Amino acid sequence: HDAGALGAFSKEKDINLRVAKEFGRLVRENMNDVKVVFTRDDDVFVPLQDRSAIANRANGDLFVSIHVNASKTTAACGAETYTIGLAKSDANFEVAKRENSVILLEDGYKERYQGFDPRSPESYIMFEFMQSKFSDQSIEMAAYIQDEFIELKRYNRGVRQENFWVLHQTKMPSVLVELGFISNPDEEKYLLSDNGNRELANAIYKAFARYKHEFDRKNSV
């Protein structure tokens, strides 16, 4: 029942799922030593808190949350990747409010999320004194993803920091990827296309392969 951002003729939830599943397929087919765990692999609603809980129960080494952006203006375009951190701009905060607002669709969200209201700036004060011990690894992965988007000639909106509940709750390096703007007619067509899905999934996969190579190198005995 959460369609996410809406385009002229598409829904964010469908694009996210296709790209995520293609990314997972690439990992499974090329990396026998990596276990892929999806928060969902079908058209079902997964509460925000449950997404990070799934990753934590699996003792994940990396959490990647895939999304599509939207704007009030159809001119907004490009891809960006977020890590947990303090708000740097009003635009970043608007993205955080939109992504966190999924909790409003859940019954009893005030109790489940400790009174957190994604629409209230005051609620984000709770994040101010929280510094993830995985910040460096998260930023590294985010930078690799943006490098691959640049290779695709995607407009680079850079690595950004914001307070996303789902990233705050994960006990591992974590990133949130905004693939593009569903509100932009040209980008919506690209995001919906089979070629766009393949290219975006492959970009995240190549970034992950680079991240894993560095992780293995640093942790080799």
C-alpha atoms as a PDB file:
ATOM      1  CA  HIS A   1       0.000   0.000   0.000  1.00  0.00           C
ATOM      2  CA  ASP A   2       3.050   2.275  -0.152  1.00  0.00           C
ATOM      3  CA  ALA A   3       3.619   3.151  -3.803  1.00  0.00           C
ATOM      4  CA  GLY A   4       6.421   5.583  -3.009  1.00  0.00           C
ATOM      5  CA  ALA A   5       6.981   8.545  -5.313  1.00  0.00           C
ATOM      6  CA  LEU A   6       4.662   8.707  -8.307  1.00  0.00           C
ATOM      7  CA  GLY A   7       5.565   9.617 -11.861  1.00  0.00           C
ATOM      8  CA  ALA A   8       3.302  10.357 -14.796  1.00  0.00           C
ATOM      9  CA  PHE A   9       2.828   6.652 -15.482  1.00  0.00           C
ATOM     10  CA  SER A  10       4.962   4.734 -12.988  1.00  0.00           C
ATOM     11  CA  LYS A  11       5.432   4.042  -9.277  1.00  0.00           C
ATOM     12  CA  GLU A  12       8.657   4.145  -7.307  1.00  0.00           C
ATOM     13  CA  LYS A  13       8.036   0.782  -5.622  1.00  0.00           C
ATOM     14  CA  ASP A  14       8.158  -1.047  -8.968  1.00  0.00           C
ATOM     15  CA  ILE A  15      11.364   0.595 -10.173  1.00  0.00           C
ATOM     16  CA  ASN A  16      13.109   0.026  -6.844  1.00  0.00           C
ATOM     17  CA  LEU A  17      12.237  -3.665  -6.859  1.00  0.00           C
ATOM     18  CA  ARG A  18      13.390  -4.293 -10.427  1.00  0.00           C
ATOM     19  CA  VAL A  19      16.755  -2.600  -9.897  1.00  0.00           C
ATOM     20  CA  ALA A  20      17.291  -4.280  -6.520  1.00  0.00           C
ATOM     21  CA  LYS A  21      16.533  -7.739  -7.889  1.00  0.00           C
ATOM     22  CA  GLU A  22      18.843  -7.228 -10.860  1.00  0.00           C
ATOM     23  CA  PHE A  23      21.602  -6.023  -8.523  1.00  0.00           C
ATOM     24  CA  GLY A  24      21.065  -9.109  -6.365  1.00  0.00           C
ATOM     25  CA  ARG A  25      21.150 -11.385  -9.405  1.00  0.00           C
ATOM     26  CA  LEU A  26      24.505  -9.958 -10.488  1.00  0.00           C
ATOM     27  CA  VAL A  27      25.974 -10.502  -7.030  1.00  0.00           C
ATOM     28  CA  ARG A  28      24.689 -14.061  -6.784  1.00  0.00           C
ATOM     29  CA  GLU A  29      25.940 -15.015 -10.223  1.00  0.00           C
ATOM     30  CA  ASN A  30      29.395 -13.493  -9.836  1.00  0.00           C
ATOM     31  CA  MET A  31      30.250 -13.763  -6.141  1.00  0.00           C
ATOM     32  CA  ASN A  32      29.862 -17.209  -4.633  1.00  0.00           C
ATOM     33  CA  ASP A  33      31.168 -16.018  -1.286  1.00  0.00           C
ATOM     34  CA  VAL A  34      28.446 -13.371  -0.849  1.00  0.00           C
ATOM     35  CA  LYS A  35      24.974 -14.020   0.538  1.00  0.00           C
ATOM     36  CA  VAL A  36      22.234 -11.703  -0.743  1.00  0.00           C
ATOM     37  CA  VAL A  37      19.312 -10.979   1.569  1.00  0.00           C
ATOM     38  CA  PHE A  38      16.398  -8.926   0.246  1.00  0.00           C
ATOM     39  CA  THR A  39      14.052  -6.963   2.495  1.00  0.00           C
ATOM     40  CA  ARG A  40      11.436  -7.858  -0.129  1.00  0.00           C
ATOM     41  CA  ASP A  41      11.432  -9.679  -3.454  1.00  0.00           C
ATOM     42  CA  ASP A  42       7.772  -9.126  -4.324  1.00  0.00           C
ATOM     43  CA  ASP A  43       5.133  -6.378  -4.269  1.00  0.00           C
ATOM     44  CA  VAL A  44       4.640  -6.356  -0.507  1.00  0.00           C
ATOM     45  CA  PHE A  45       4.869  -3.644   2.140  1.00  0.00           C
ATOM     46  CA  VAL A  46       7.736  -3.932   4.618  1.00  0.00           C
ATOM     47  CA  PRO A  47       7.591  -1.497   7.583  1.00  0.00           C
ATOM     48  CA  LEU A  48      10.580   0.804   7.771  1.00  0.00           C
ATOM     49  CA  GLN A  49      11.806  -0.601  11.076  1.00  0.00           C
ATOM     50  CA  ASP A  50      11.587  -4.150   9.752  1.00  0.00           C
ATOM     51  CA  ARG A  51      13.921  -3.381   6.846  1.00  0.00           C
ATOM     52  CA  SER A  52      16.868  -2.644   9.104  1.00  0.00           C
ATOM     53  CA  ALA A  53      15.830  -5.492  11.432  1.00  0.00           C
ATOM     54  CA  ILE A  54      16.055  -7.964   8.533  1.00  0.00           C
ATOM     55  CA  ALA A  55      19.582  -6.774   7.785  1.00  0.00           C
ATOM     56  CA  ASN A  56      20.602  -6.925  11.437  1.00  0.00           C
ATOM     57  CA  ARG A  57      19.240 -10.440  11.923  1.00  0.00           C
ATOM     58  CA  ALA A  58      21.234 -11.574   8.896  1.00  0.00           C
ATOM     59  CA  ASN A  59      24.406 -10.057  10.416  1.00  0.00           C
ATOM     60  CA  GLY A  60      24.892  -8.185   7.162  1.00  0.00           C
ATOM     61  CA  ASP A  61      28.191  -6.627   6.171  1.00  0.00           C
ATOM     62  CA  LEU A  62      26.563  -3.944   4.012  1.00  0.00           C
ATOM     63  CA  PHE A  63      23.064  -2.497   3.688  1.00  0.00           C
ATOM     64  CA  VAL A  64      21.936  -0.903   0.418  1.00  0.00           C
ATOM     65  CA  SER A  65      18.541   0.819   0.297  1.00  0.00           C
ATOM     66  CA  ILE A  66      17.376   1.631  -3.244  1.00  0.00           C
ATOM     67  CA  HIS A  67      14.965   4.471  -3.978  1.00  0.00           C
ATOM     68  CA  VAL A  68      13.714   6.902  -6.612  1.00  0.00           C
ATOM     69  CA  ASN A  69      13.557  10.631  -5.997  1.00  0.00           C
ATOM     70  CA  ALA A  70      10.829  13.180  -6.758  1.00  0.00           C
ATOM     71  CA  SER A  71      10.582  16.940  -6.892  1.00  0.00           C
ATOM     72  CA  LYS A  72       7.940  19.631  -7.311  1.00  0.00           C
ATOM     73  CA  THR A  73       9.806  20.761 -10.402  1.00  0.00           C
ATOM     74  CA  THR A  74      10.107  18.507 -13.438  1.00  0.00           C
ATOM     75  CA  ALA A  75      13.575  19.917 -14.161  1.00  0.00           C
ATOM     76  CA  ALA A  76      15.225  18.226 -11.164  1.00  0.00           C
ATOM     77  CA  CYS A  77      17.424  15.347 -12.298  1.00  0.00           C
ATOM     78  CA  GLY A  78      20.357  13.138 -11.422  1.00  0.00           C
ATOM     79  CA  ALA A  79      21.422  10.480  -8.950  1.00  0.00           C
ATOM     80  CA  GLU A  80      22.695  10.802  -5.394  1.00  0.00           C
ATOM     81  CA  THR A  81      23.712   8.485  -2.587  1.00  0.00           C
ATOM     82  CA  TYR A  82      23.182   9.165   1.109  1.00  0.00           C
ATOM     83  CA  THR A  83      24.830   8.052   4.313  1.00  0.00           C
ATOM     84  CA  ILE A  84      23.592   8.757   7.827  1.00  0.00           C
ATOM     85  CA  GLY A  85      24.553  12.219   9.068  1.00  0.00           C
ATOM     86  CA  LEU A  86      23.365  15.682   9.970  1.00  0.00           C
ATOM     87  CA  ALA A  87      21.274  17.658   7.506  1.00  0.00           C
ATOM     88  CA  LYS A  88      23.356  19.806   5.187  1.00  0.00           C
ATOM     89  CA  SER A  89      20.589  21.556   3.259  1.00  0.00           C
ATOM     90  CA  ASP A  90      16.861  22.076   3.076  1.00  0.00           C
ATOM     91  CA  ALA A  91      16.780  19.917  -0.068  1.00  0.00           C
ATOM     92  CA  ASN A  92      18.399  17.010   1.777  1.00  0.00           C
ATOM     93  CA  PHE A  93      15.910  17.405   4.609  1.00  0.00           C
ATOM     94  CA  GLU A  94      12.991  17.224   2.169  1.00  0.00           C
ATOM     95  CA  VAL A  95      14.323  13.902   0.863  1.00  0.00           C
ATOM     96  CA  ALA A  96      14.660  12.585   4.412  1.00  0.00           C
ATOM     97  CA  LYS A  97      11.128  13.647   5.286  1.00  0.00           C
ATOM     98  CA  ARG A  98       9.761  11.886   2.219  1.00  0.00           C
ATOM     99  CA  GLU A  99      11.691   8.652   2.765  1.00  0.00           C
ATOM    100  CA  ASN A 100      10.957   8.575   6.495  1.00  0.00           C
ATOM    101  CA  SER A 101       7.261   9.375   6.021  1.00  0.00           C
ATOM    102  CA  VAL A 102       6.560   5.729   5.158  1.00  0.00           C
ATOM    103  CA  ILE A 103       6.214   5.130   8.891  1.00  0.00           C
ATOM    104  CA  LEU A 104       2.983   7.166   8.853  1.00  0.00           C
ATOM    105  CA  LEU A 105       1.358   4.272   6.984  1.00  0.00           C
ATOM    106  CA  GLU A 106       2.026   1.906   9.880  1.00  0.00           C
ATOM    107  CA  ASP A 107      -0.355   1.285  12.739  1.00  0.00           C
ATOM    108  CA  GLY A 108       0.995   2.425  16.091  1.00  0.00           C
ATOM    109  CA  TYR A 109       3.964   4.194  14.528  1.00  0.00           C
ATOM    110  CA  LYS A 110       4.351   6.629  17.448  1.00  0.00           C
ATOM    111  CA  GLU A 111       5.033   3.743  19.812  1.00  0.00           C
ATOM    112  CA  ARG A 112       7.167   1.752  17.364  1.00  0.00           C
ATOM    113  CA  TYR A 113       9.357   4.745  16.496  1.00  0.00           C
ATOM    114  CA  GLN A 114       9.701   6.256  19.967  1.00  0.00           C
ATOM    115  CA  GLY A 115       7.554   9.282  19.160  1.00  0.00           C
ATOM    116  CA  PHE A 116       9.558  10.132  16.038  1.00  0.00           C
ATOM    117  CA  ASP A 117       7.536  12.294  13.600  1.00  0.00           C
ATOM    118  CA  PRO A 118       9.177  12.443  10.147  1.00  0.00           C
ATOM    119  CA  ARG A 119       7.394  15.731   9.394  1.00  0.00           C
ATOM    120  CA  SER A 120       8.772  17.554  12.433  1.00  0.00           C
ATOM    121  CA  PRO A 121      12.284  19.111  12.364  1.00  0.00           C
ATOM    122  CA  GLU A 122      12.374  18.792  16.147  1.00  0.00           C
ATOM    123  CA  SER A 123      12.187  15.009  15.882  1.00  0.00           C
ATOM    124  CA  TYR A 124      15.518  14.940  14.076  1.00  0.00           C
ATOM    125  CA  ILE A 125      17.339  16.376  17.087  1.00  0.00           C
ATOM    126  CA  MET A 126      17.630  12.798  18.369  1.00  0.00           C
ATOM    127  CA  PHE A 127      20.099  12.087  15.571  1.00  0.00           C
ATOM    128  CA  GLU A 128      22.460  14.953  16.361  1.00  0.00           C
ATOM    129  CA  PHE A 129      24.602  13.089  18.874  1.00  0.00           C
ATOM    130  CA  MET A 130      24.643   9.815  17.003  1.00  0.00           C
ATOM    131  CA  GLN A 131      27.718   9.137  14.919  1.00  0.00           C
ATOM    132  CA  SER A 132      27.782   5.812  13.168  1.00  0.00           C
ATOM    133  CA  LYS A 133      30.984   3.862  13.719  1.00  0.00           C
ATOM    134  CA  PHE A 134      30.578   2.735  10.129  1.00  0.00           C
ATOM    135  CA  SER A 135      30.656   6.256   8.671  1.00  0.00           C
ATOM    136  CA  ASP A 136      33.915   5.817   6.778  1.00  0.00           C
ATOM    137  CA  GLN A 137      32.862   2.561   5.112  1.00  0.00           C
ATOM    138  CA  SER A 138      29.422   3.957   4.284  1.00  0.00           C
ATOM    139  CA  ILE A 139      30.895   7.052   2.656  1.00  0.00           C
ATOM    140  CA  GLU A 140      33.365   4.879   0.746  1.00  0.00           C
ATOM    141  CA  MET A 141      30.576   2.753  -0.727  1.00  0.00           C
ATOM    142  CA  ALA A 142      28.496   5.835  -1.508  1.00  0.00           C
ATOM    143  CA  ALA A 143      31.428   7.419  -3.355  1.00  0.00           C
ATOM    144  CA  TYR A 144      31.961   4.258  -5.413  1.00  0.00           C
ATOM    145  CA  ILE A 145      28.293   4.264  -6.424  1.00  0.00           C
ATOM    146  CA  GLN A 146      28.437   7.882  -7.509  1.00  0.00           C
ATOM    147  CA  ASP A 147      31.623   7.177  -9.507  1.00  0.00           C
ATOM    148  CA  GLU A 148      29.741   4.495 -11.440  1.00  0.00           C
ATOM    149  CA  PHE A 149      26.792   6.805 -12.059  1.00  0.00           C
ATOM    150  CA  ILE A 150      29.225   9.343 -13.493  1.00  0.00           C
ATOM    151  CA  GLU A 151      30.522   6.638 -15.840  1.00  0.00           C
ATOM    152  CA  LEU A 152      26.936   6.249 -17.056  1.00  0.00           C
ATOM    153  CA  LYS A 153      26.859   9.996 -17.785  1.00  0.00           C
ATOM    154  CA  ARG A 154      24.200  10.439 -15.126  1.00  0.00           C
ATOM    155  CA  TYR A 155      24.021  13.904 -13.605  1.00  0.00           C
ATOM    156  CA  ASN A 156      26.012  13.597 -10.385  1.00  0.00           C
ATOM    157  CA  ARG A 157      24.260  15.020  -7.328  1.00  0.00           C
ATOM    158  CA  GLY A 158      27.029  13.645  -5.139  1.00  0.00           C
ATOM    159  CA  VAL A 159      27.372  11.887  -1.817  1.00  0.00           C
ATOM    160  CA  ARG A 160      25.135  13.452   0.793  1.00  0.00           C
ATOM    161  CA  GLN A 161      24.303  13.010   4.447  1.00  0.00           C
ATOM    162  CA  GLU A 162      20.873  12.960   6.052  1.00  0.00           C
ATOM    163  CA  ASN A 163      19.009  11.368   8.897  1.00  0.00           C
ATOM    164  CA  PHE A 164      17.192   8.366   7.494  1.00  0.00           C
ATOM    165  CA  TRP A 165      15.629   6.122  10.111  1.00  0.00           C
ATOM    166  CA  VAL A 166      16.447   2.975   8.154  1.00  0.00           C
ATOM    167  CA  LEU A 167      20.167   3.851   8.017  1.00  0.00           C
ATOM    168  CA  HIS A 168      20.240   4.909  11.652  1.00  0.00           C
ATOM    169  CA  GLN A 169      18.944   1.502  12.741  1.00  0.00           C
ATOM    170  CA  THR A 170      21.331  -0.709  10.773  1.00  0.00           C
ATOM    171  CA  LYS A 171      24.328  -2.196  12.574  1.00  0.00           C
ATOM    172  CA  MET A 172      26.613  -2.172   9.537  1.00  0.00           C
ATOM    173  CA  PRO A 173      27.850   0.190   6.820  1.00  0.00           C
ATOM    174  CA  SER A 174      24.759   1.425   4.989  1.00  0.00           C
ATOM    175  CA  VAL A 175      23.798   3.662   2.080  1.00  0.00           C
ATOM    176  CA  LEU A 176      20.573   4.930   0.555  1.00  0.00           C
ATOM    177  CA  VAL A 177      20.629   5.370  -3.226  1.00  0.00           C
ATOM    178  CA  GLU A 178      18.342   7.758  -5.100  1.00  0.00           C
ATOM    179  CA  LEU A 179      18.492   6.479  -8.684  1.00  0.00           C
ATOM    180  CA  GLY A 180      16.916   9.509 -10.321  1.00  0.00           C
ATOM    181  CA  PHE A 181      13.804  11.661 -10.441  1.00  0.00           C
ATOM    182  CA  ILE A 182      10.529  10.006 -11.317  1.00  0.00           C
ATOM    183  CA  SER A 183       9.071  13.526 -11.584  1.00  0.00           C
ATOM    184  CA  ASN A 184      11.347  14.308 -14.549  1.00  0.00           C
ATOM    185  CA  PRO A 185       9.747  12.982 -17.795  1.00  0.00           C
ATOM    186  CA  ASP A 186      13.060  11.974 -19.391  1.00  0.00           C
ATOM    187  CA  GLU A 187      14.363  10.324 -16.243  1.00  0.00           C
ATOM    188  CA  GLU A 188      11.088   8.524 -15.667  1.00  0.00           C
ATOM    189  CA  LYS A 189      11.384   6.912 -19.094  1.00  0.00           C
ATOM    190  CA  TYR A 190      14.966   5.881 -18.331  1.00  0.00           C
ATOM    191  CA  LEU A 191      14.076   4.534 -14.876  1.00  0.00           C
ATOM    192  CA  LEU A 192      11.257   2.483 -16.384  1.00  0.00           C
ATOM    193  CA  SER A 193      13.265   1.079 -19.279  1.00  0.00           C
ATOM    194  CA  ASP A 194      14.894  -2.355 -19.221  1.00  0.00           C
ATOM    195  CA  ASN A 195      18.154  -0.735 -20.283  1.00  0.00           C
ATOM    196  CA  GLY A 196      17.945   1.793 -17.470  1.00  0.00           C
ATOM    197  CA  ASN A 197      17.258  -0.923 -14.917  1.00  0.00           C
ATOM    198  CA  ARG A 198      20.226  -2.964 -16.132  1.00  0.00           C
ATOM    199  CA  GLU A 199      22.598  -0.004 -16.222  1.00  0.00           C
ATOM    200  CA  LEU A 200      21.675   1.242 -12.758  1.00  0.00           C
ATOM    201  CA  ALA A 201      21.841  -2.226 -11.202  1.00  0.00           C
ATOM    202  CA  ASN A 202      25.182  -2.871 -12.878  1.00  0.00           C
ATOM    203  CA  ALA A 203      26.517   0.458 -11.595  1.00  0.00           C
ATOM    204  CA  ILE A 204      25.646  -0.479  -8.006  1.00  0.00           C
ATOM    205  CA  TYR A 205      27.086  -3.950  -8.559  1.00  0.00           C
ATOM    206  CA  LYS A 206      30.398  -2.574  -9.870  1.00  0.00           C
ATOM    207  CA  ALA A 207      30.563  -0.205  -6.910  1.00  0.00           C
ATOM    208  CA  PHE A 208      29.946  -3.113  -4.568  1.00  0.00           C
ATOM    209  CA  ALA A 209      32.620  -5.216  -6.289  1.00  0.00           C
ATOM    210  CA  ARG A 210      35.105  -2.391  -5.737  1.00  0.00           C
ATOM    211  CA  TYR A 211      34.007  -1.994  -2.121  1.00  0.00           C
ATOM    212  CA  LYS A 212      34.303  -5.742  -1.500  1.00  0.00           C
ATOM    213  CA  HIS A 213      37.762  -5.860  -3.077  1.00  0.00           C
ATOM    214  CA  GLU A 214      38.962  -3.141  -0.702  1.00  0.00           C
ATOM    215  CA  PHE A 215      37.209  -4.778   2.257  1.00  0.00           C
ATOM    216  CA  ASP A 216      38.842  -8.146   1.527  1.00  0.00           C
ATOM    217  CA  ARG A 217      42.237  -6.546   1.026  1.00  0.00           C
ATOM    218  CA  LYS A 218      42.092  -4.679   4.338  1.00  0.00           C
ATOM    219  CA  ASN A 219      40.841  -7.726   6.234  1.00  0.00           C
ATOM    220  CA  SER A 220      43.067 -10.378   4.708  1.00  0.00           C
ATOM    221  CA  VAL A 221      45.360 -12.225   7.097  1.00  0.00           C
END
